[in-house]
Amino acid sequence: MTDLSASADLAVTTGPIEGSTKVYRRLAAVPGSGVPFRRVNLSNGEHLDLYDTSGPYTDPDARIDLHSGLPPRAGVVRDRGTQLQRAREGEITAEMAFIAEREAVPAELVRGEVARGRAVIPANHNHPESEPMVIGKAFAVKTRWRSSPNGRACRLSSFAARSREAGRSSPPTTTIPRASRW
């Protein structure tokens, strides 16, 4: 493990991205929380809000301290079960509310898809600072199988091919953004 205190030249690129600004949509269900979007001003005077996953590093008001790390997001509750467990209990978590705002869908849709096993929130409760996202058919990021020319399903990673040769199975590994969102 690297001793960060011994390195005096730690640096990370921060600041706004040219041609756009960072804006937040506040979450009524999670006080103090906001979902970041990248706002691009168009030449006709209108603007376009884009999915922004740059974290606090592009927020001109953020204070970045590499030694202390990022603060946890508002509303994150640790040690109360997985997203799947909580969804099946009917609870809409702070992560689900965040995802719903970012995906422009009802929070109940996120909860329901996770509860049915048709979507997954790859959130690690040991990293409450991370911005949650969802993977599933009803959302912007999804996984899928690719068909080979002969119509048989084939996996998309060399790891999966090696696993198959070794007699193990693994899930597909490709993520594809839904084109209609862009």
N, C-alpha and C. Protein backbone atom coordinates (compact mmCIF):
# COMPACT_ATOMS: atom_id res chain seq x y z
N MET A 1 0.83 -1.17 0.00
CA MET A 1 0.00 0.00 0.00
C MET A 1 0.89 1.24 0.00
N THR A 2 0.50 2.25 -0.72
CA THR A 2 1.28 3.48 -0.84
C THR A 2 1.02 4.39 0.34
N ASP A 3 2.08 4.96 0.88
CA ASP A 3 1.95 5.91 1.97
C ASP A 3 1.72 7.30 1.37
N LEU A 4 0.48 7.79 1.42
CA LEU A 4 0.15 9.07 0.83
C LEU A 4 0.83 10.24 1.53
N SER A 5 1.09 10.10 2.82
CA SER A 5 1.72 11.21 3.54
C SER A 5 3.15 11.46 3.07
N ALA A 6 3.79 10.43 2.51
CA ALA A 6 5.15 10.59 2.03
C ALA A 6 5.22 11.29 0.68
N SER A 7 4.11 11.34 -0.04
CA SER A 7 4.09 11.95 -1.36
C SER A 7 3.59 13.38 -1.27
N ALA A 8 4.47 14.34 -1.51
CA ALA A 8 4.11 15.75 -1.40
C ALA A 8 3.49 16.29 -2.68
N ASP A 9 3.59 15.57 -3.77
CA ASP A 9 3.13 16.08 -5.06
C ASP A 9 1.82 15.47 -5.55
N LEU A 10 0.92 15.11 -4.63
CA LEU A 10 -0.37 14.57 -5.05
C LEU A 10 -1.17 15.65 -5.75
N ALA A 11 -1.78 15.30 -6.87
CA ALA A 11 -2.59 16.27 -7.60
C ALA A 11 -3.67 15.53 -8.38
N VAL A 12 -4.76 16.21 -8.61
CA VAL A 12 -5.84 15.68 -9.42
C VAL A 12 -6.42 16.85 -10.21
N THR A 13 -6.81 16.60 -11.43
CA THR A 13 -7.39 17.66 -12.25
C THR A 13 -8.77 18.02 -11.71
N THR A 14 -8.99 19.28 -11.45
CA THR A 14 -10.29 19.75 -10.95
C THR A 14 -10.72 20.97 -11.74
N GLY A 15 -11.95 21.36 -11.52
CA GLY A 15 -12.46 22.58 -12.13
C GLY A 15 -13.50 22.29 -13.20
N PRO A 16 -14.16 23.34 -13.65
CA PRO A 16 -15.24 23.17 -14.63
C PRO A 16 -14.74 22.63 -15.97
N ILE A 17 -15.66 22.03 -16.70
CA ILE A 17 -15.39 21.56 -18.06
C ILE A 17 -15.82 22.67 -19.01
N GLU A 18 -14.91 23.07 -19.88
CA GLU A 18 -15.18 24.19 -20.80
C GLU A 18 -16.43 23.92 -21.64
N GLY A 19 -17.26 24.94 -21.78
CA GLY A 19 -18.46 24.85 -22.61
C GLY A 19 -19.67 24.31 -21.88
N SER A 20 -19.54 24.07 -20.57
CA SER A 20 -20.68 23.55 -19.81
C SER A 20 -20.55 23.97 -18.35
N THR A 21 -21.63 23.78 -17.62
CA THR A 21 -21.63 24.04 -16.18
C THR A 21 -22.25 22.85 -15.47
N LYS A 22 -21.89 22.69 -14.22
CA LYS A 22 -22.46 21.62 -13.41
C LYS A 22 -23.68 22.17 -12.68
N VAL A 23 -24.81 21.48 -12.79
CA VAL A 23 -26.03 21.88 -12.09
C VAL A 23 -26.52 20.68 -11.28
N TYR A 24 -27.29 20.95 -10.25
CA TYR A 24 -27.82 19.88 -9.40
C TYR A 24 -29.34 19.97 -9.35
N ARG A 25 -29.97 18.81 -9.42
CA ARG A 25 -31.41 18.72 -9.18
C ARG A 25 -31.56 18.18 -7.77
N ARG A 26 -32.22 18.95 -6.93
CA ARG A 26 -32.40 18.57 -5.53
C ARG A 26 -33.40 17.43 -5.41
N LEU A 27 -33.17 16.56 -4.43
CA LEU A 27 -34.07 15.44 -4.17
C LEU A 27 -34.92 15.76 -2.95
N ALA A 28 -36.23 15.89 -3.15
CA ALA A 28 -37.13 16.19 -2.04
C ALA A 28 -37.11 15.07 -1.00
N ALA A 29 -36.96 13.82 -1.45
CA ALA A 29 -36.99 12.67 -0.55
C ALA A 29 -35.71 12.52 0.27
N VAL A 30 -34.63 13.20 -0.14
CA VAL A 30 -33.34 13.07 0.54
C VAL A 30 -32.80 14.48 0.80
N PRO A 31 -33.14 15.08 1.96
CA PRO A 31 -32.69 16.45 2.24
C PRO A 31 -31.17 16.59 2.16
N GLY A 32 -30.72 17.67 1.54
CA GLY A 32 -29.30 17.94 1.40
C GLY A 32 -28.65 17.23 0.24
N SER A 33 -29.43 16.50 -0.53
CA SER A 33 -28.88 15.73 -1.63
C SER A 33 -29.23 16.36 -2.97
N GLY A 34 -28.34 16.19 -3.93
CA GLY A 34 -28.60 16.68 -5.28
C GLY A 34 -27.99 15.74 -6.30
N VAL A 35 -28.63 15.65 -7.46
CA VAL A 35 -28.15 14.80 -8.54
C VAL A 35 -27.46 15.69 -9.56
N PRO A 36 -26.17 15.45 -9.84
CA PRO A 36 -25.45 16.31 -10.77
C PRO A 36 -25.79 16.04 -12.23
N PHE A 37 -25.86 17.11 -12.99
CA PHE A 37 -26.02 17.05 -14.44
C PHE A 37 -25.04 18.04 -15.05
N ARG A 38 -24.64 17.79 -16.26
CA ARG A 38 -23.76 18.67 -17.02
C ARG A 38 -24.64 19.48 -17.96
N ARG A 39 -24.72 20.81 -17.75
CA ARG A 39 -25.57 21.67 -18.57
C ARG A 39 -24.74 22.29 -19.69
N VAL A 40 -25.17 22.03 -20.92
CA VAL A 40 -24.52 22.58 -22.11
C VAL A 40 -25.47 23.62 -22.69
N ASN A 41 -25.00 24.86 -22.78
CA ASN A 41 -25.81 25.93 -23.37
C ASN A 41 -25.68 25.87 -24.88
N LEU A 42 -26.83 25.86 -25.55
CA LEU A 42 -26.87 25.75 -27.00
C LEU A 42 -26.87 27.14 -27.64
N SER A 43 -26.52 27.22 -28.90
CA SER A 43 -26.42 28.51 -29.60
C SER A 43 -27.78 29.18 -29.78
N ASN A 44 -28.88 28.43 -29.66
CA ASN A 44 -30.21 29.04 -29.81
C ASN A 44 -30.77 29.55 -28.48
N GLY A 45 -29.95 29.56 -27.42
CA GLY A 45 -30.37 30.07 -26.13
C GLY A 45 -30.93 29.00 -25.19
N GLU A 46 -31.21 27.82 -25.72
CA GLU A 46 -31.70 26.73 -24.87
C GLU A 46 -30.51 25.99 -24.26
N HIS A 47 -30.80 25.01 -23.41
CA HIS A 47 -29.72 24.21 -22.83
C HIS A 47 -30.09 22.74 -22.86
N LEU A 48 -29.08 21.91 -22.73
CA LEU A 48 -29.24 20.47 -22.71
C LEU A 48 -28.55 19.95 -21.46
N ASP A 49 -29.30 19.23 -20.60
CA ASP A 49 -28.72 18.64 -19.40
C ASP A 49 -28.33 17.20 -19.69
N LEU A 50 -27.06 16.87 -19.44
CA LEU A 50 -26.53 15.55 -19.73
C LEU A 50 -26.20 14.80 -18.44
N TYR A 51 -26.19 13.49 -18.52
CA TYR A 51 -25.80 12.58 -17.44
C TYR A 51 -24.35 12.93 -17.08
N ASP A 52 -24.07 13.31 -15.85
CA ASP A 52 -22.72 13.72 -15.44
C ASP A 52 -22.20 12.80 -14.36
N THR A 53 -21.16 12.05 -14.67
CA THR A 53 -20.57 11.13 -13.69
C THR A 53 -19.17 11.58 -13.26
N SER A 54 -18.86 12.85 -13.42
CA SER A 54 -17.52 13.34 -13.11
C SER A 54 -17.27 13.52 -11.62
N GLY A 55 -18.28 13.32 -10.79
CA GLY A 55 -18.11 13.49 -9.35
C GLY A 55 -17.88 14.93 -8.98
N PRO A 56 -17.40 15.20 -7.78
CA PRO A 56 -17.22 16.57 -7.32
C PRO A 56 -16.05 17.30 -7.97
N TYR A 57 -15.23 16.58 -8.71
CA TYR A 57 -14.01 17.17 -9.25
C TYR A 57 -14.26 18.30 -10.24
N THR A 58 -15.41 18.33 -10.89
CA THR A 58 -15.71 19.39 -11.85
C THR A 58 -16.64 20.45 -11.27
N ASP A 59 -16.92 20.36 -9.99
CA ASP A 59 -17.75 21.36 -9.31
C ASP A 59 -16.84 22.48 -8.82
N PRO A 60 -17.05 23.72 -9.31
CA PRO A 60 -16.15 24.80 -8.91
C PRO A 60 -16.21 25.12 -7.42
N ASP A 61 -17.27 24.71 -6.73
CA ASP A 61 -17.40 24.99 -5.30
C ASP A 61 -16.89 23.86 -4.41
N ALA A 62 -16.51 22.74 -4.99
CA ALA A 62 -16.08 21.59 -4.19
C ALA A 62 -14.66 21.79 -3.66
N ARG A 63 -14.45 21.34 -2.45
CA ARG A 63 -13.11 21.33 -1.87
C ARG A 63 -12.61 19.89 -1.92
N ILE A 64 -11.54 19.68 -2.66
CA ILE A 64 -10.99 18.34 -2.84
C ILE A 64 -9.75 18.19 -1.97
N ASP A 65 -9.80 17.22 -1.05
CA ASP A 65 -8.67 16.91 -0.19
C ASP A 65 -8.33 15.44 -0.39
N LEU A 66 -7.25 15.17 -1.09
CA LEU A 66 -6.88 13.80 -1.42
C LEU A 66 -6.51 12.97 -0.19
N HIS A 67 -6.13 13.62 0.88
CA HIS A 67 -5.74 12.89 2.08
C HIS A 67 -6.95 12.44 2.90
N SER A 68 -8.02 13.24 2.93
CA SER A 68 -9.18 12.84 3.74
C SER A 68 -10.26 12.15 2.92
N GLY A 69 -10.21 12.26 1.59
CA GLY A 69 -11.18 11.58 0.75
C GLY A 69 -12.46 12.38 0.59
N LEU A 70 -13.41 11.80 -0.11
CA LEU A 70 -14.68 12.46 -0.37
C LEU A 70 -15.65 12.22 0.77
N PRO A 71 -16.49 13.20 1.07
CA PRO A 71 -17.50 12.99 2.13
C PRO A 71 -18.62 12.09 1.61
N PRO A 72 -19.34 11.41 2.51
CA PRO A 72 -20.46 10.58 2.06
C PRO A 72 -21.59 11.45 1.49
N ARG A 73 -22.36 10.88 0.57
CA ARG A 73 -23.52 11.58 0.04
C ARG A 73 -24.59 11.66 1.12
N ALA A 74 -25.44 12.66 1.03
CA ALA A 74 -26.53 12.82 1.99
C ALA A 74 -27.52 11.67 1.86
N GLY A 75 -28.03 11.19 2.99
CA GLY A 75 -29.09 10.19 2.99
C GLY A 75 -28.65 8.75 2.92
N VAL A 76 -27.35 8.50 2.79
CA VAL A 76 -26.88 7.12 2.67
C VAL A 76 -26.91 6.47 4.05
N VAL A 77 -27.56 5.29 4.12
CA VAL A 77 -27.65 4.54 5.36
C VAL A 77 -26.84 3.27 5.18
N ARG A 78 -25.93 3.03 6.11
CA ARG A 78 -25.09 1.83 6.00
C ARG A 78 -25.64 0.73 6.91
N ASP A 79 -25.30 -0.50 6.57
CA ASP A 79 -25.57 -1.67 7.40
C ASP A 79 -27.05 -1.91 7.67
N ARG A 80 -27.90 -1.73 6.65
CA ARG A 80 -29.32 -2.07 6.78
C ARG A 80 -29.76 -2.99 5.66
N GLY A 81 -28.85 -3.79 5.17
CA GLY A 81 -29.18 -4.74 4.12
C GLY A 81 -28.78 -4.23 2.75
N THR A 82 -28.87 -5.12 1.78
CA THR A 82 -28.50 -4.77 0.41
C THR A 82 -29.64 -4.00 -0.25
N GLN A 83 -29.33 -3.42 -1.41
CA GLN A 83 -30.36 -2.73 -2.18
C GLN A 83 -31.48 -3.70 -2.55
N LEU A 84 -31.14 -4.93 -2.88
CA LEU A 84 -32.14 -5.94 -3.24
C LEU A 84 -33.05 -6.23 -2.05
N GLN A 85 -32.47 -6.46 -0.89
CA GLN A 85 -33.27 -6.74 0.31
C GLN A 85 -34.21 -5.58 0.62
N ARG A 86 -33.68 -4.38 0.58
CA ARG A 86 -34.49 -3.22 0.93
C ARG A 86 -35.57 -2.96 -0.11
N ALA A 87 -35.26 -3.21 -1.40
CA ALA A 87 -36.27 -3.06 -2.44
C ALA A 87 -37.40 -4.06 -2.24
N ARG A 88 -37.05 -5.29 -1.91
CA ARG A 88 -38.07 -6.32 -1.69
C ARG A 88 -38.92 -6.04 -0.45
N GLU A 89 -38.39 -5.27 0.49
CA GLU A 89 -39.16 -4.87 1.66
C GLU A 89 -40.02 -3.64 1.38
N GLY A 90 -39.95 -3.11 0.14
CA GLY A 90 -40.77 -1.97 -0.24
C GLY A 90 -40.14 -0.62 0.03
N GLU A 91 -38.88 -0.60 0.45
CA GLU A 91 -38.20 0.66 0.79
C GLU A 91 -37.55 1.28 -0.44
N ILE A 92 -37.76 2.58 -0.62
CA ILE A 92 -37.04 3.33 -1.65
C ILE A 92 -35.87 4.00 -0.94
N THR A 93 -34.66 3.55 -1.24
CA THR A 93 -33.46 4.06 -0.59
C THR A 93 -33.01 5.38 -1.21
N ALA A 94 -32.05 6.03 -0.56
CA ALA A 94 -31.48 7.26 -1.11
C ALA A 94 -30.84 6.98 -2.47
N GLU A 95 -30.24 5.80 -2.62
CA GLU A 95 -29.63 5.43 -3.89
C GLU A 95 -30.68 5.30 -4.98
N MET A 96 -31.81 4.69 -4.66
CA MET A 96 -32.90 4.53 -5.64
C MET A 96 -33.48 5.88 -6.03
N ALA A 97 -33.64 6.80 -5.07
CA ALA A 97 -34.15 8.14 -5.37
C ALA A 97 -33.17 8.89 -6.27
N PHE A 98 -31.88 8.78 -5.99
CA PHE A 98 -30.84 9.41 -6.80
C PHE A 98 -30.89 8.90 -8.24
N ILE A 99 -30.95 7.57 -8.37
CA ILE A 99 -30.99 6.94 -9.69
C ILE A 99 -32.24 7.36 -10.45
N ALA A 100 -33.38 7.40 -9.78
CA ALA A 100 -34.63 7.76 -10.43
C ALA A 100 -34.55 9.17 -11.01
N GLU A 101 -33.96 10.10 -10.26
CA GLU A 101 -33.83 11.48 -10.77
C GLU A 101 -32.88 11.52 -11.95
N ARG A 102 -31.76 10.82 -11.85
CA ARG A 102 -30.79 10.81 -12.94
C ARG A 102 -31.36 10.16 -14.20
N GLU A 103 -32.12 9.09 -14.04
CA GLU A 103 -32.69 8.37 -15.17
C GLU A 103 -34.01 8.98 -15.66
N ALA A 104 -34.56 9.94 -14.92
CA ALA A 104 -35.85 10.58 -15.25
C ALA A 104 -36.98 9.55 -15.29
N VAL A 105 -37.03 8.71 -14.25
CA VAL A 105 -38.09 7.72 -14.09
C VAL A 105 -38.60 7.79 -12.66
N PRO A 106 -39.79 7.24 -12.39
CA PRO A 106 -40.29 7.21 -11.00
C PRO A 106 -39.41 6.33 -10.11
N ALA A 107 -39.23 6.74 -8.86
CA ALA A 107 -38.43 5.95 -7.92
C ALA A 107 -39.04 4.56 -7.72
N GLU A 108 -40.35 4.46 -7.80
CA GLU A 108 -41.01 3.17 -7.64
C GLU A 108 -40.62 2.21 -8.77
N LEU A 109 -40.37 2.72 -9.96
CA LEU A 109 -39.91 1.87 -11.06
C LEU A 109 -38.54 1.29 -10.73
N VAL A 110 -37.64 2.11 -10.22
CA VAL A 110 -36.30 1.63 -9.84
C VAL A 110 -36.44 0.55 -8.77
N ARG A 111 -37.21 0.84 -7.71
CA ARG A 111 -37.39 -0.13 -6.62
C ARG A 111 -37.98 -1.43 -7.14
N GLY A 112 -39.01 -1.33 -7.97
CA GLY A 112 -39.68 -2.51 -8.49
C GLY A 112 -38.78 -3.37 -9.36
N GLU A 113 -38.00 -2.75 -10.25
CA GLU A 113 -37.10 -3.50 -11.12
C GLU A 113 -36.00 -4.20 -10.31
N VAL A 114 -35.49 -3.52 -9.29
CA VAL A 114 -34.47 -4.13 -8.43
C VAL A 114 -35.09 -5.28 -7.64
N ALA A 115 -36.29 -5.08 -7.08
CA ALA A 115 -36.95 -6.12 -6.29
C ALA A 115 -37.24 -7.36 -7.11
N ARG A 116 -37.59 -7.19 -8.39
CA ARG A 116 -37.89 -8.33 -9.26
C ARG A 116 -36.62 -9.00 -9.82
N GLY A 117 -35.46 -8.39 -9.58
CA GLY A 117 -34.21 -8.95 -10.08
C GLY A 117 -33.92 -8.59 -11.52
N ARG A 118 -34.64 -7.62 -12.07
CA ARG A 118 -34.43 -7.21 -13.46
C ARG A 118 -33.47 -6.03 -13.58
N ALA A 119 -33.00 -5.53 -12.45
CA ALA A 119 -32.02 -4.44 -12.43
C ALA A 119 -31.15 -4.62 -11.19
N VAL A 120 -29.96 -4.07 -11.26
CA VAL A 120 -29.03 -4.15 -10.13
C VAL A 120 -28.41 -2.78 -9.90
N ILE A 121 -28.20 -2.46 -8.63
CA ILE A 121 -27.51 -1.22 -8.24
C ILE A 121 -26.16 -1.65 -7.69
N PRO A 122 -25.08 -1.50 -8.46
CA PRO A 122 -23.77 -1.94 -7.98
C PRO A 122 -23.17 -0.93 -7.01
N ALA A 123 -23.75 -0.84 -5.82
CA ALA A 123 -23.30 0.10 -4.80
C ALA A 123 -22.58 -0.67 -3.69
N ASN A 124 -21.49 -0.14 -3.22
CA ASN A 124 -20.72 -0.76 -2.15
C ASN A 124 -20.94 0.06 -0.89
N HIS A 125 -21.51 -0.55 0.15
CA HIS A 125 -21.80 0.21 1.38
C HIS A 125 -20.54 0.72 2.08
N ASN A 126 -19.38 0.24 1.68
CA ASN A 126 -18.12 0.75 2.23
C ASN A 126 -17.66 2.03 1.53
N HIS A 127 -18.38 2.45 0.50
CA HIS A 127 -18.06 3.67 -0.23
C HIS A 127 -19.29 4.56 -0.36
N PRO A 128 -19.74 5.16 0.75
CA PRO A 128 -20.95 5.98 0.71
C PRO A 128 -20.79 7.29 -0.05
N GLU A 129 -19.59 7.58 -0.52
CA GLU A 129 -19.36 8.79 -1.30
C GLU A 129 -19.67 8.59 -2.78
N SER A 130 -19.78 7.35 -3.21
CA SER A 130 -19.96 7.08 -4.64
C SER A 130 -21.36 7.44 -5.12
N GLU A 131 -21.44 7.82 -6.39
CA GLU A 131 -22.73 8.13 -7.00
C GLU A 131 -23.32 6.83 -7.53
N PRO A 132 -24.52 6.48 -7.09
CA PRO A 132 -25.11 5.22 -7.53
C PRO A 132 -25.58 5.26 -8.97
N MET A 133 -25.62 4.10 -9.58
CA MET A 133 -26.17 3.93 -10.93
C MET A 133 -26.89 2.60 -10.95
N VAL A 134 -27.64 2.36 -12.01
CA VAL A 134 -28.41 1.13 -12.13
C VAL A 134 -28.13 0.50 -13.48
N ILE A 135 -28.13 -0.82 -13.49
CA ILE A 135 -27.97 -1.56 -14.73
C ILE A 135 -29.22 -2.40 -14.92
N GLY A 136 -29.89 -2.24 -16.04
CA GLY A 136 -31.09 -3.02 -16.32
C GLY A 136 -31.74 -2.60 -17.62
N LYS A 137 -32.63 -3.42 -18.10
CA LYS A 137 -33.27 -3.20 -19.39
C LYS A 137 -34.04 -1.89 -19.45
N ALA A 138 -34.66 -1.48 -18.35
CA ALA A 138 -35.48 -0.27 -18.34
C ALA A 138 -34.67 1.01 -18.16
N PHE A 139 -33.34 0.90 -18.11
CA PHE A 139 -32.50 2.04 -17.78
C PHE A 139 -31.44 2.30 -18.85
N ALA A 140 -30.69 3.41 -18.69
CA ALA A 140 -29.73 3.84 -19.70
C ALA A 140 -28.57 2.86 -19.88
N VAL A 141 -28.16 2.18 -18.83
CA VAL A 141 -27.06 1.23 -18.92
C VAL A 141 -27.62 -0.18 -18.78
N LYS A 142 -27.20 -1.06 -19.65
CA LYS A 142 -27.72 -2.42 -19.63
C LYS A 142 -26.64 -3.42 -20.03
N THR A 143 -26.88 -4.67 -19.73
CA THR A 143 -26.01 -5.75 -20.20
C THR A 143 -26.81 -6.59 -21.16
N ARG A 144 -26.11 -7.24 -22.06
CA ARG A 144 -26.83 -8.12 -22.98
C ARG A 144 -25.87 -9.15 -23.57
N TRP A 145 -26.46 -10.17 -24.13
CA TRP A 145 -25.71 -11.19 -24.85
C TRP A 145 -25.57 -10.76 -26.30
N ARG A 146 -24.53 -11.16 -26.93
CA ARG A 146 -24.34 -10.92 -28.35
C ARG A 146 -24.53 -12.25 -29.06
N SER A 147 -25.21 -12.25 -30.16
CA SER A 147 -25.38 -13.48 -30.94
C SER A 147 -24.26 -13.61 -31.96
N SER A 148 -23.81 -14.82 -32.14
CA SER A 148 -22.81 -15.09 -33.16
C SER A 148 -23.51 -15.23 -34.51
N PRO A 149 -22.77 -15.22 -35.62
CA PRO A 149 -23.40 -15.34 -36.94
C PRO A 149 -24.27 -16.59 -37.10
N ASN A 150 -23.94 -17.66 -36.37
CA ASN A 150 -24.74 -18.89 -36.51
C ASN A 150 -25.95 -18.89 -35.58
N GLY A 151 -26.20 -17.77 -34.88
CA GLY A 151 -27.38 -17.65 -34.04
C GLY A 151 -27.19 -18.12 -32.61
N ARG A 152 -26.03 -18.65 -32.28
CA ARG A 152 -25.79 -19.11 -30.92
C ARG A 152 -25.29 -17.94 -30.07
N ALA A 153 -25.70 -17.90 -28.83
CA ALA A 153 -25.25 -16.84 -27.93
C ALA A 153 -23.77 -17.01 -27.63
N CYS A 154 -23.04 -15.92 -27.59
CA CYS A 154 -21.64 -15.99 -27.21
C CYS A 154 -21.34 -14.89 -26.21
N ARG A 155 -20.38 -15.14 -25.37
CA ARG A 155 -20.03 -14.17 -24.34
C ARG A 155 -19.08 -13.13 -24.91
N LEU A 156 -19.00 -11.99 -24.22
CA LEU A 156 -18.30 -10.86 -24.80
C LEU A 156 -16.92 -10.58 -24.23
N SER A 157 -16.45 -11.36 -23.28
CA SER A 157 -15.12 -11.08 -22.74
C SER A 157 -14.23 -12.30 -22.81
N SER A 158 -12.93 -12.07 -22.85
CA SER A 158 -12.01 -13.20 -22.90
C SER A 158 -12.07 -13.96 -21.58
N PHE A 159 -12.35 -13.26 -20.47
CA PHE A 159 -12.50 -13.94 -19.18
C PHE A 159 -13.64 -14.95 -19.25
N ALA A 160 -14.76 -14.52 -19.86
CA ALA A 160 -15.91 -15.41 -19.98
C ALA A 160 -15.57 -16.62 -20.84
N ALA A 161 -14.82 -16.41 -21.94
CA ALA A 161 -14.43 -17.52 -22.80
C ALA A 161 -13.54 -18.51 -22.04
N ARG A 162 -12.60 -17.99 -21.26
CA ARG A 162 -11.73 -18.87 -20.47
C ARG A 162 -12.55 -19.61 -19.42
N SER A 163 -13.53 -18.92 -18.82
CA SER A 163 -14.39 -19.56 -17.81
C SER A 163 -15.18 -20.70 -18.43
N ARG A 164 -15.70 -20.48 -19.63
CA ARG A 164 -16.49 -21.50 -20.31
C ARG A 164 -15.61 -22.72 -20.59
N GLU A 165 -14.38 -22.47 -21.04
CA GLU A 165 -13.47 -23.58 -21.32
C GLU A 165 -13.15 -24.37 -20.06
N ALA A 166 -13.14 -23.66 -18.92
CA ALA A 166 -12.85 -24.32 -17.64
C ALA A 166 -14.09 -24.96 -17.03
N GLY A 167 -15.24 -24.84 -17.71
CA GLY A 167 -16.46 -25.45 -17.21
C GLY A 167 -17.26 -24.57 -16.27
N ARG A 168 -16.89 -23.31 -16.13
CA ARG A 168 -17.63 -22.38 -15.27
C ARG A 168 -18.47 -21.47 -16.16
N SER A 169 -19.51 -20.92 -15.60
CA SER A 169 -20.31 -19.95 -16.36
C SER A 169 -20.12 -18.58 -15.75
N SER A 170 -20.30 -17.56 -16.53
CA SER A 170 -20.21 -16.19 -16.03
C SER A 170 -21.21 -15.34 -16.81
N PRO A 171 -21.64 -14.23 -16.23
CA PRO A 171 -22.62 -13.39 -16.90
C PRO A 171 -21.99 -12.59 -18.04
N PRO A 172 -22.81 -12.05 -18.94
CA PRO A 172 -22.27 -11.19 -19.99
C PRO A 172 -21.66 -9.94 -19.36
N THR A 173 -20.70 -9.33 -20.05
CA THR A 173 -19.97 -8.25 -19.42
C THR A 173 -20.01 -6.92 -20.16
N THR A 174 -20.76 -6.79 -21.19
CA THR A 174 -20.76 -5.55 -21.96
C THR A 174 -21.86 -4.62 -21.50
N THR A 175 -21.59 -3.33 -21.43
CA THR A 175 -22.62 -2.34 -21.12
C THR A 175 -22.86 -1.48 -22.33
N ILE A 176 -24.11 -1.21 -22.61
CA ILE A 176 -24.46 -0.47 -23.82
C ILE A 176 -25.44 0.63 -23.45
N PRO A 177 -25.08 1.91 -23.62
CA PRO A 177 -26.03 2.96 -23.31
C PRO A 177 -27.17 2.95 -24.31
N ARG A 178 -28.37 3.24 -23.83
CA ARG A 178 -29.53 3.29 -24.70
C ARG A 178 -29.42 4.52 -25.59
N ALA A 179 -29.40 4.31 -26.89
CA ALA A 179 -29.16 5.38 -27.86
C ALA A 179 -30.20 6.48 -27.79
N SER A 180 -31.44 6.15 -27.42
CA SER A 180 -32.49 7.17 -27.40
C SER A 180 -32.27 8.20 -26.30
N ARG A 181 -31.40 7.90 -25.34
CA ARG A 181 -31.12 8.85 -24.26
C ARG A 181 -30.14 9.93 -24.69
N TRP A 182 -29.41 9.72 -25.77
CA TRP A 182 -28.33 10.64 -26.14
C TRP A 182 -28.72 11.53 -27.22
